[in-house]
Amino acid sequence: MANIKSSKERIKTNEKARVRNAAIRSRIRTESKKVRVAVEKGDLETAEAQLKEAFKYIDKSYNDGVYKANTVARQKSSLQRLVNALKATSETTAD
């Protein structure tokens, strides 16, 4: 355990940040999974709605400093590709 007061304060601050960041990461994983499940079921409307929700949390994670810009871009791109592929297959079967 640290003896210096500022070190003790940093330990507390770091722990709060760790818990907050873990919660944000968990929420993003949950929202991403909802998108993937909707895509697997072939439900385009639900997938698009879940995608919008997932993007909101992913963007928020960047603003909070949890993820870097490239990580956010990669995650969003990955989810968008899944939904676009579902869109393409649903359009070809509708024709």
PDB file of N, CA and C in Angstrom:
ATOM      1  N   MET A   1       0.854  -1.184   0.000  1.00  0.00           N
ATOM      2  CA  MET A   1       0.000   0.000   0.000  1.00  0.00           C
ATOM      3  C   MET A   1       0.896   1.243   0.000  1.00  0.00           C
ATOM      4  N   ALA A   2       0.441   2.233  -0.733  1.00  0.00           N
ATOM      5  CA  ALA A   2       1.218   3.471  -0.848  1.00  0.00           C
ATOM      6  C   ALA A   2       1.190   4.254   0.453  1.00  0.00           C
ATOM      7  N   ASN A   3       2.243   5.014   0.690  1.00  0.00           N
ATOM      8  CA  ASN A   3       2.318   5.867   1.873  1.00  0.00           C
ATOM      9  C   ASN A   3       2.007   7.323   1.550  1.00  0.00           C
ATOM     10  N   ILE A   4       2.267   7.717   0.319  1.00  0.00           N
ATOM     11  CA  ILE A   4       2.076   9.105  -0.084  1.00  0.00           C
ATOM     12  C   ILE A   4       0.600   9.350  -0.389  1.00  0.00           C
ATOM     13  N   LYS A   5       0.098  10.479   0.087  1.00  0.00           N
ATOM     14  CA  LYS A   5      -1.320  10.774  -0.041  1.00  0.00           C
ATOM     15  C   LYS A   5      -1.776  10.802  -1.500  1.00  0.00           C
ATOM     16  N   SER A   6      -1.014  11.432  -2.360  1.00  0.00           N
ATOM     17  CA  SER A   6      -1.406  11.518  -3.763  1.00  0.00           C
ATOM     18  C   SER A   6      -1.445  10.135  -4.413  1.00  0.00           C
ATOM     19  N   SER A   7      -0.579   9.243  -3.985  1.00  0.00           N
ATOM     20  CA  SER A   7      -0.577   7.882  -4.513  1.00  0.00           C
ATOM     21  C   SER A   7      -1.822   7.135  -4.076  1.00  0.00           C
ATOM     22  N   LYS A   8      -2.226   7.351  -2.833  1.00  0.00           N
ATOM     23  CA  LYS A   8      -3.453   6.728  -2.327  1.00  0.00           C
ATOM     24  C   LYS A   8      -4.664   7.224  -3.112  1.00  0.00           C
ATOM     25  N   GLU A   9      -4.676   8.524  -3.406  1.00  0.00           N
ATOM     26  CA  GLU A   9      -5.780   9.095  -4.177  1.00  0.00           C
ATOM     27  C   GLU A   9      -5.810   8.520  -5.589  1.00  0.00           C
ATOM     28  N   ARG A  10      -4.635   8.368  -6.204  1.00  0.00           N
ATOM     29  CA  ARG A  10      -4.569   7.801  -7.560  1.00  0.00           C
ATOM     30  C   ARG A  10      -5.065   6.361  -7.579  1.00  0.00           C
ATOM     31  N   ILE A  11      -4.766   5.605  -6.545  1.00  0.00           N
ATOM     32  CA  ILE A  11      -5.235   4.217  -6.461  1.00  0.00           C
ATOM     33  C   ILE A  11      -6.764   4.183  -6.481  1.00  0.00           C
ATOM     34  N   LYS A  12      -7.376   5.065  -5.708  1.00  0.00           N
ATOM     35  CA  LYS A  12      -8.847   5.137  -5.677  1.00  0.00           C
ATOM     36  C   LYS A  12      -9.404   5.551  -7.037  1.00  0.00           C
ATOM     37  N   THR A  13      -8.796   6.575  -7.636  1.00  0.00           N
ATOM     38  CA  THR A  13      -9.249   7.068  -8.929  1.00  0.00           C
ATOM     39  C   THR A  13      -9.112   6.002  -9.998  1.00  0.00           C
ATOM     40  N   ASN A  14      -7.989   5.309 -10.004  1.00  0.00           N
ATOM     41  CA  ASN A  14      -7.758   4.256 -10.993  1.00  0.00           C
ATOM     42  C   ASN A  14      -8.763   3.125 -10.857  1.00  0.00           C
ATOM     43  N   GLU A  15      -9.117   2.790  -9.641  1.00  0.00           N
ATOM     44  CA  GLU A  15     -10.085   1.719  -9.414  1.00  0.00           C
ATOM     45  C   GLU A  15     -11.469   2.129  -9.928  1.00  0.00           C
ATOM     46  N   LYS A  16     -11.851   3.369  -9.675  1.00  0.00           N
ATOM     47  CA  LYS A  16     -13.140   3.859 -10.186  1.00  0.00           C
ATOM     48  C   LYS A  16     -13.165   3.804 -11.710  1.00  0.00           C
ATOM     49  N   ALA A  17     -12.079   4.220 -12.336  1.00  0.00           N
ATOM     50  CA  ALA A  17     -11.999   4.217 -13.799  1.00  0.00           C
ATOM     51  C   ALA A  17     -12.032   2.792 -14.335  1.00  0.00           C
ATOM     52  N   ARG A  18     -11.338   1.889 -13.655  1.00  0.00           N
ATOM     53  CA  ARG A  18     -11.315   0.491 -14.093  1.00  0.00           C
ATOM     54  C   ARG A  18     -12.715  -0.116 -14.076  1.00  0.00           C
ATOM     55  N   VAL A  19     -13.450   0.146 -13.015  1.00  0.00           N
ATOM     56  CA  VAL A  19     -14.809  -0.388 -12.895  1.00  0.00           C
ATOM     57  C   VAL A  19     -15.717   0.220 -13.962  1.00  0.00           C
ATOM     58  N   ARG A  20     -15.608   1.543 -14.169  1.00  0.00           N
ATOM     59  CA  ARG A  20     -16.429   2.210 -15.176  1.00  0.00           C
ATOM     60  C   ARG A  20     -16.113   1.680 -16.574  1.00  0.00           C
ATOM     61  N   ASN A  21     -14.814   1.560 -16.879  1.00  0.00           N
ATOM     62  CA  ASN A  21     -14.408   1.070 -18.201  1.00  0.00           C
ATOM     63  C   ASN A  21     -14.874  -0.359 -18.434  1.00  0.00           C
ATOM     64  N   ALA A  22     -14.800  -1.189 -17.409  1.00  0.00           N
ATOM     65  CA  ALA A  22     -15.250  -2.576 -17.537  1.00  0.00           C
ATOM     66  C   ALA A  22     -16.739  -2.624 -17.840  1.00  0.00           C
ATOM     67  N   ALA A  23     -17.515  -1.767 -17.197  1.00  0.00           N
ATOM     68  CA  ALA A  23     -18.953  -1.725 -17.437  1.00  0.00           C
ATOM     69  C   ALA A  23     -19.253  -1.282 -18.864  1.00  0.00           C
ATOM     70  N   ILE A  24     -18.519  -0.297 -19.343  1.00  0.00           N
ATOM     71  CA  ILE A  24     -18.733   0.196 -20.704  1.00  0.00           C
ATOM     72  C   ILE A  24     -18.368  -0.877 -21.727  1.00  0.00           C
ATOM     73  N   ARG A  25     -17.234  -1.546 -21.515  1.00  0.00           N
ATOM     74  CA  ARG A  25     -16.825  -2.620 -22.436  1.00  0.00           C
ATOM     75  C   ARG A  25     -17.848  -3.748 -22.456  1.00  0.00           C
ATOM     76  N   SER A  26     -18.357  -4.089 -21.297  1.00  0.00           N
ATOM     77  CA  SER A  26     -19.353  -5.148 -21.196  1.00  0.00           C
ATOM     78  C   SER A  26     -20.619  -4.766 -21.959  1.00  0.00           C
ATOM     79  N   ARG A  27     -21.045  -3.521 -21.815  1.00  0.00           N
ATOM     80  CA  ARG A  27     -22.249  -3.054 -22.502  1.00  0.00           C
ATOM     81  C   ARG A  27     -22.061  -3.099 -24.012  1.00  0.00           C
ATOM     82  N   ILE A  28     -20.879  -2.742 -24.483  1.00  0.00           N
ATOM     83  CA  ILE A  28     -20.607  -2.782 -25.925  1.00  0.00           C
ATOM     84  C   ILE A  28     -20.641  -4.216 -26.435  1.00  0.00           C
ATOM     85  N   ARG A  29     -20.056  -5.131 -25.681  1.00  0.00           N
ATOM     86  CA  ARG A  29     -20.093  -6.545 -26.082  1.00  0.00           C
ATOM     87  C   ARG A  29     -21.534  -7.051 -26.145  1.00  0.00           C
ATOM     88  N   THR A  30     -22.346  -6.658 -25.186  1.00  0.00           N
ATOM     89  CA  THR A  30     -23.747  -7.074 -25.155  1.00  0.00           C
ATOM     90  C   THR A  30     -24.497  -6.520 -26.362  1.00  0.00           C
ATOM     91  N   GLU A  31     -24.329  -5.234 -26.635  1.00  0.00           N
ATOM     92  CA  GLU A  31     -25.026  -4.616 -27.763  1.00  0.00           C
ATOM     93  C   GLU A  31     -24.554  -5.211 -29.098  1.00  0.00           C
ATOM     94  N   SER A  32     -23.267  -5.499 -29.219  1.00  0.00           N
ATOM     95  CA  SER A  32     -22.737  -6.106 -30.442  1.00  0.00           C
ATOM     96  C   SER A  32     -23.315  -7.502 -30.633  1.00  0.00           C
ATOM     97  N   LYS A  33     -23.449  -8.229 -29.543  1.00  0.00           N
ATOM     98  CA  LYS A  33     -24.009  -9.571 -29.620  1.00  0.00           C
ATOM     99  C   LYS A  33     -25.463  -9.522 -30.077  1.00  0.00           C
ATOM    100  N   LYS A  34     -26.211  -8.516 -29.623  1.00  0.00           N
ATOM    101  CA  LYS A  34     -27.609  -8.378 -30.048  1.00  0.00           C
ATOM    102  C   LYS A  34     -27.700  -8.174 -31.556  1.00  0.00           C
ATOM    103  N   VAL A  35     -26.764  -7.403 -32.109  1.00  0.00           N
ATOM    104  CA  VAL A  35     -26.731  -7.190 -33.560  1.00  0.00           C
ATOM    105  C   VAL A  35     -26.439  -8.512 -34.265  1.00  0.00           C
ATOM    106  N   ARG A  36     -25.429  -9.229 -33.783  1.00  0.00           N
ATOM    107  CA  ARG A  36     -25.053 -10.499 -34.421  1.00  0.00           C
ATOM    108  C   ARG A  36     -26.182 -11.524 -34.366  1.00  0.00           C
ATOM    109  N   VAL A  37     -26.887 -11.578 -33.241  1.00  0.00           N
ATOM    110  CA  VAL A  37     -28.002 -12.524 -33.102  1.00  0.00           C
ATOM    111  C   VAL A  37     -29.115 -12.167 -34.079  1.00  0.00           C
ATOM    112  N   ALA A  38     -29.426 -10.885 -34.214  1.00  0.00           N
ATOM    113  CA  ALA A  38     -30.464 -10.453 -35.152  1.00  0.00           C
ATOM    114  C   ALA A  38     -30.072 -10.783 -36.588  1.00  0.00           C
ATOM    115  N   VAL A  39     -28.785 -10.629 -36.911  1.00  0.00           N
ATOM    116  CA  VAL A  39     -28.313 -10.950 -38.260  1.00  0.00           C
ATOM    117  C   VAL A  39     -28.418 -12.456 -38.503  1.00  0.00           C
ATOM    118  N   GLU A  40     -28.051 -13.263 -37.509  1.00  0.00           N
ATOM    119  CA  GLU A  40     -28.146 -14.718 -37.654  1.00  0.00           C
ATOM    120  C   GLU A  40     -29.586 -15.171 -37.867  1.00  0.00           C
ATOM    121  N   LYS A  41     -30.524 -14.501 -37.198  1.00  0.00           N
ATOM    122  CA  LYS A  41     -31.942 -14.835 -37.360  1.00  0.00           C
ATOM    123  C   LYS A  41     -32.486 -14.335 -38.683  1.00  0.00           C
ATOM    124  N   GLY A  42     -31.774 -13.392 -39.315  1.00  0.00           N
ATOM    125  CA  GLY A  42     -32.221 -12.842 -40.582  1.00  0.00           C
ATOM    126  C   GLY A  42     -33.238 -11.724 -40.419  1.00  0.00           C
ATOM    127  N   ASP A  43     -33.314 -11.140 -39.241  1.00  0.00           N
ATOM    128  CA  ASP A  43     -34.275 -10.074 -38.942  1.00  0.00           C
ATOM    129  C   ASP A  43     -33.620  -8.713 -39.203  1.00  0.00           C
ATOM    130  N   LEU A  44     -33.885  -8.165 -40.384  1.00  0.00           N
ATOM    131  CA  LEU A  44     -33.223  -6.932 -40.807  1.00  0.00           C
ATOM    132  C   LEU A  44     -33.645  -5.733 -39.964  1.00  0.00           C
ATOM    133  N   GLU A  45     -34.921  -5.600 -39.673  1.00  0.00           N
ATOM    134  CA  GLU A  45     -35.396  -4.448 -38.889  1.00  0.00           C
ATOM    135  C   GLU A  45     -34.754  -4.415 -37.512  1.00  0.00           C
ATOM    136  N   THR A  46     -34.761  -5.543 -36.836  1.00  0.00           N
ATOM    137  CA  THR A  46     -34.163  -5.622 -35.502  1.00  0.00           C
ATOM    138  C   THR A  46     -32.663  -5.370 -35.576  1.00  0.00           C
ATOM    139  N   ALA A  47     -32.025  -5.928 -36.591  1.00  0.00           N
ATOM    140  CA  ALA A  47     -30.579  -5.756 -36.737  1.00  0.00           C
ATOM    141  C   ALA A  47     -30.228  -4.279 -36.905  1.00  0.00           C
ATOM    142  N   GLU A  48     -30.988  -3.569 -37.724  1.00  0.00           N
ATOM    143  CA  GLU A  48     -30.708  -2.143 -37.935  1.00  0.00           C
ATOM    144  C   GLU A  48     -30.958  -1.329 -36.663  1.00  0.00           C
ATOM    145  N   ALA A  49     -32.018  -1.677 -35.933  1.00  0.00           N
ATOM    146  CA  ALA A  49     -32.309  -0.973 -34.679  1.00  0.00           C
ATOM    147  C   ALA A  49     -31.209  -1.232 -33.650  1.00  0.00           C
ATOM    148  N   GLN A  50     -30.773  -2.482 -33.553  1.00  0.00           N
ATOM    149  CA  GLN A  50     -29.715  -2.836 -32.611  1.00  0.00           C
ATOM    150  C   GLN A  50     -28.386  -2.217 -33.028  1.00  0.00           C
ATOM    151  N   LEU A  51     -28.172  -2.109 -34.336  1.00  0.00           N
ATOM    152  CA  LEU A  51     -26.943  -1.493 -34.836  1.00  0.00           C
ATOM    153  C   LEU A  51     -26.864  -0.032 -34.397  1.00  0.00           C
ATOM    154  N   LYS A  52     -27.974   0.665 -34.519  1.00  0.00           N
ATOM    155  CA  LYS A  52     -28.016   2.070 -34.102  1.00  0.00           C
ATOM    156  C   LYS A  52     -27.708   2.190 -32.605  1.00  0.00           C
ATOM    157  N   GLU A  53     -28.277   1.301 -31.820  1.00  0.00           N
ATOM    158  CA  GLU A  53     -28.044   1.309 -30.374  1.00  0.00           C
ATOM    159  C   GLU A  53     -26.576   0.995 -30.058  1.00  0.00           C
ATOM    160  N   ALA A  54     -26.025   0.016 -30.757  1.00  0.00           N
ATOM    161  CA  ALA A  54     -24.625  -0.368 -30.539  1.00  0.00           C
ATOM    162  C   ALA A  54     -23.691   0.785 -30.901  1.00  0.00           C
ATOM    163  N   PHE A  55     -23.977   1.457 -32.008  1.00  0.00           N
ATOM    164  CA  PHE A  55     -23.155   2.597 -32.422  1.00  0.00           C
ATOM    165  C   PHE A  55     -23.152   3.681 -31.354  1.00  0.00           C
ATOM    166  N   LYS A  56     -24.293   3.884 -30.734  1.00  0.00           N
ATOM    167  CA  LYS A  56     -24.393   4.913 -29.694  1.00  0.00           C
ATOM    168  C   LYS A  56     -23.421   4.616 -28.551  1.00  0.00           C
ATOM    169  N   TYR A  57     -23.390   3.362 -28.103  1.00  0.00           N
ATOM    170  CA  TYR A  57     -22.507   2.991 -26.997  1.00  0.00           C
ATOM    171  C   TYR A  57     -21.038   2.962 -27.422  1.00  0.00           C
ATOM    172  N   ILE A  58     -20.796   2.545 -28.646  1.00  0.00           N
ATOM    173  CA  ILE A  58     -19.413   2.521 -29.141  1.00  0.00           C
ATOM    174  C   ILE A  58     -18.861   3.937 -29.232  1.00  0.00           C
ATOM    175  N   ASP A  59     -19.667   4.859 -29.765  1.00  0.00           N
ATOM    176  CA  ASP A  59     -19.232   6.254 -29.857  1.00  0.00           C
ATOM    177  C   ASP A  59     -19.010   6.850 -28.472  1.00  0.00           C
ATOM    178  N   LYS A  60     -19.885   6.518 -27.549  1.00  0.00           N
ATOM    179  CA  LYS A  60     -19.747   7.022 -26.191  1.00  0.00           C
ATOM    180  C   LYS A  60     -18.450   6.508 -25.556  1.00  0.00           C
ATOM    181  N   SER A  61     -18.093   5.267 -25.849  1.00  0.00           N
ATOM    182  CA  SER A  61     -16.862   4.716 -25.284  1.00  0.00           C
ATOM    183  C   SER A  61     -15.638   5.492 -25.777  1.00  0.00           C
ATOM    184  N   TYR A  62     -15.686   5.957 -27.017  1.00  0.00           N
ATOM    185  CA  TYR A  62     -14.585   6.767 -27.536  1.00  0.00           C
ATOM    186  C   TYR A  62     -14.534   8.117 -26.823  1.00  0.00           C
ATOM    187  N   ASN A  63     -15.695   8.730 -26.658  1.00  0.00           N
ATOM    188  CA  ASN A  63     -15.751  10.036 -25.990  1.00  0.00           C
ATOM    189  C   ASN A  63     -15.296   9.946 -24.539  1.00  0.00           C
ATOM    190  N   ASP A  64     -15.536   8.802 -23.899  1.00  0.00           N
ATOM    191  CA  ASP A  64     -15.127   8.609 -22.508  1.00  0.00           C
ATOM    192  C   ASP A  64     -13.665   8.182 -22.391  1.00  0.00           C
ATOM    193  N   GLY A  65     -13.020   7.920 -23.525  1.00  0.00           N
ATOM    194  CA  GLY A  65     -11.614   7.542 -23.500  1.00  0.00           C
ATOM    195  C   GLY A  65     -11.365   6.074 -23.210  1.00  0.00           C
ATOM    196  N   VAL A  66     -12.398   5.246 -23.355  1.00  0.00           N
ATOM    197  CA  VAL A  66     -12.234   3.821 -23.096  1.00  0.00           C
ATOM    198  C   VAL A  66     -11.536   3.148 -24.278  1.00  0.00           C
ATOM    199  N   TYR A  67     -11.941   3.518 -25.501  1.00  0.00           N
ATOM    200  CA  TYR A  67     -11.348   2.951 -26.708  1.00  0.00           C
ATOM    201  C   TYR A  67     -10.729   4.053 -27.555  1.00  0.00           C
ATOM    202  N   LYS A  68      -9.722   3.678 -28.347  1.00  0.00           N
ATOM    203  CA  LYS A  68      -9.098   4.604 -29.288  1.00  0.00           C
ATOM    204  C   LYS A  68      -9.926   4.661 -30.568  1.00  0.00           C
ATOM    205  N   ALA A  69      -9.645   5.645 -31.395  1.00  0.00           N
ATOM    206  CA  ALA A  69     -10.429   5.892 -32.603  1.00  0.00           C
ATOM    207  C   ALA A  69     -10.417   4.697 -33.551  1.00  0.00           C
ATOM    208  N   ASN A  70      -9.265   4.076 -33.769  1.00  0.00           N
ATOM    209  CA  ASN A  70      -9.195   2.951 -34.700  1.00  0.00           C
ATOM    210  C   ASN A  70      -9.975   1.748 -34.196  1.00  0.00           C
ATOM    211  N   THR A  71      -9.975   1.526 -32.899  1.00  0.00           N
ATOM    212  CA  THR A  71     -10.728   0.422 -32.323  1.00  0.00           C
ATOM    213  C   THR A  71     -12.217   0.640 -32.542  1.00  0.00           C
ATOM    214  N   VAL A  72     -12.659   1.854 -32.308  1.00  0.00           N
ATOM    215  CA  VAL A  72     -14.069   2.196 -32.502  1.00  0.00           C
ATOM    216  C   VAL A  72     -14.448   2.015 -33.972  1.00  0.00           C
ATOM    217  N   ALA A  73     -13.609   2.497 -34.863  1.00  0.00           N
ATOM    218  CA  ALA A  73     -13.885   2.382 -36.294  1.00  0.00           C
ATOM    219  C   ALA A  73     -13.959   0.923 -36.715  1.00  0.00           C
ATOM    220  N   ARG A  74     -13.055   0.112 -36.206  1.00  0.00           N
ATOM    221  CA  ARG A  74     -13.043  -1.319 -36.543  1.00  0.00           C
ATOM    222  C   ARG A  74     -14.306  -2.015 -36.054  1.00  0.00           C
ATOM    223  N   GLN A  75     -14.725  -1.713 -34.833  1.00  0.00           N
ATOM    224  CA  GLN A  75     -15.926  -2.337 -34.277  1.00  0.00           C
ATOM    225  C   GLN A  75     -17.171  -1.943 -35.067  1.00  0.00           C
ATOM    226  N   LYS A  76     -17.273  -0.653 -35.362  1.00  0.00           N
ATOM    227  CA  LYS A  76     -18.436  -0.173 -36.105  1.00  0.00           C
ATOM    228  C   LYS A  76     -18.466  -0.762 -37.516  1.00  0.00           C
ATOM    229  N   SER A  77     -17.311  -0.817 -38.142  1.00  0.00           N
ATOM    230  CA  SER A  77     -17.225  -1.356 -39.490  1.00  0.00           C
ATOM    231  C   SER A  77     -17.632  -2.828 -39.527  1.00  0.00           C
ATOM    232  N   SER A  78     -17.173  -3.568 -38.547  1.00  0.00           N
ATOM    233  CA  SER A  78     -17.480  -4.991 -38.468  1.00  0.00           C
ATOM    234  C   SER A  78     -18.987  -5.227 -38.358  1.00  0.00           C
ATOM    235  N   LEU A  79     -19.630  -4.480 -37.487  1.00  0.00           N
ATOM    236  CA  LEU A  79     -21.075  -4.633 -37.310  1.00  0.00           C
ATOM    237  C   LEU A  79     -21.837  -4.155 -38.542  1.00  0.00           C
ATOM    238  N   GLN A  80     -21.386  -3.055 -39.132  1.00  0.00           N
ATOM    239  CA  GLN A  80     -22.060  -2.524 -40.312  1.00  0.00           C
ATOM    240  C   GLN A  80     -21.971  -3.501 -41.482  1.00  0.00           C
ATOM    241  N   ARG A  81     -20.819  -4.163 -41.623  1.00  0.00           N
ATOM    242  CA  ARG A  81     -20.656  -5.152 -42.696  1.00  0.00           C
ATOM    243  C   ARG A  81     -21.653  -6.298 -42.553  1.00  0.00           C
ATOM    244  N   LEU A  82     -21.868  -6.750 -41.310  1.00  0.00           N
ATOM    245  CA  LEU A  82     -22.832  -7.826 -41.078  1.00  0.00           C
ATOM    246  C   LEU A  82     -24.237  -7.416 -41.515  1.00  0.00           C
ATOM    247  N   VAL A  83     -24.630  -6.225 -41.120  1.00  0.00           N
ATOM    248  CA  VAL A  83     -25.977  -5.743 -41.455  1.00  0.00           C
ATOM    249  C   VAL A  83     -26.099  -5.505 -42.958  1.00  0.00           C
ATOM    250  N   ASN A  84     -25.049  -4.967 -43.577  1.00  0.00           N
ATOM    251  CA  ASN A  84     -25.085  -4.743 -45.029  1.00  0.00           C
ATOM    252  C   ASN A  84     -25.196  -6.060 -45.787  1.00  0.00           C
ATOM    253  N   ALA A  85     -24.521  -7.086 -45.313  1.00  0.00           N
ATOM    254  CA  ALA A  85     -24.599  -8.398 -45.959  1.00  0.00           C
ATOM    255  C   ALA A  85     -26.016  -8.955 -45.835  1.00  0.00           C
ATOM    256  N   LEU A  86     -26.624  -8.769 -44.686  1.00  0.00           N
ATOM    257  CA  LEU A  86     -28.003  -9.221 -44.486  1.00  0.00           C
ATOM    258  C   LEU A  86     -28.938  -8.445 -45.404  1.00  0.00           C
ATOM    259  N   LYS A  87     -28.701  -7.148 -45.538  1.00  0.00           N
ATOM    260  CA  LYS A  87     -29.508  -6.307 -46.418  1.00  0.00           C
ATOM    261  C   LYS A  87     -29.407  -6.793 -47.861  1.00  0.00           C
ATOM    262  N   ALA A  88     -28.193  -7.109 -48.280  1.00  0.00           N
ATOM    263  CA  ALA A  88     -27.957  -7.555 -49.658  1.00  0.00           C
ATOM    264  C   ALA A  88     -28.661  -8.878 -49.926  1.00  0.00           C
ATOM    265  N   THR A  89     -28.601  -9.794 -48.975  1.00  0.00           N
ATOM    266  CA  THR A  89     -29.260 -11.088 -49.180  1.00  0.00           C
ATOM    267  C   THR A  89     -30.782 -10.945 -49.165  1.00  0.00           C
ATOM    268  N   SER A  90     -31.293 -10.055 -48.336  1.00  0.00           N
ATOM    269  CA  SER A  90     -32.747  -9.886 -48.290  1.00  0.00           C
ATOM    270  C   SER A  90     -33.257  -9.198 -49.546  1.00  0.00           C
ATOM    271  N   GLU A  91     -32.439  -8.317 -50.151  1.00  0.00           N
ATOM    272  CA  GLU A  91     -32.847  -7.659 -51.394  1.00  0.00           C
ATOM    273  C   GLU A  91     -32.834  -8.631 -52.554  1.00  0.00           C
ATOM    274  N   THR A  92     -31.857  -9.522 -52.599  1.00  0.00           N
ATOM    275  CA  THR A  92     -31.795 -10.477 -53.716  1.00  0.00           C
ATOM    276  C   THR A  92     -32.899 -11.511 -53.616  1.00  0.00           C
ATOM    277  N   THR A  93     -33.291 -11.889 -52.419  1.00  0.00           N
ATOM    278  CA  THR A  93     -34.384 -12.858 -52.279  1.00  0.00           C
ATOM    279  C   THR A  93     -35.728 -12.206 -52.515  1.00  0.00           C
ATOM    280  N   ALA A  94     -35.840 -10.900 -52.323  1.00  0.00           N
ATOM    281  CA  ALA A  94     -37.091 -10.194 -52.538  1.00  0.00           C
ATOM    282  C   ALA A  94     -37.368 -10.000 -54.028  1.00  0.00           C
ATOM    283  N   ASP A  95     -36.318  -9.997 -54.852  1.00  0.00           N
ATOM    284  CA  ASP A  95     -36.489  -9.779 -56.296  1.00  0.00           C
ATOM    285  C   ASP A  95     -37.083 -10.934 -56.983  1.00  0.00           C
TER     286      ASP A  95
END
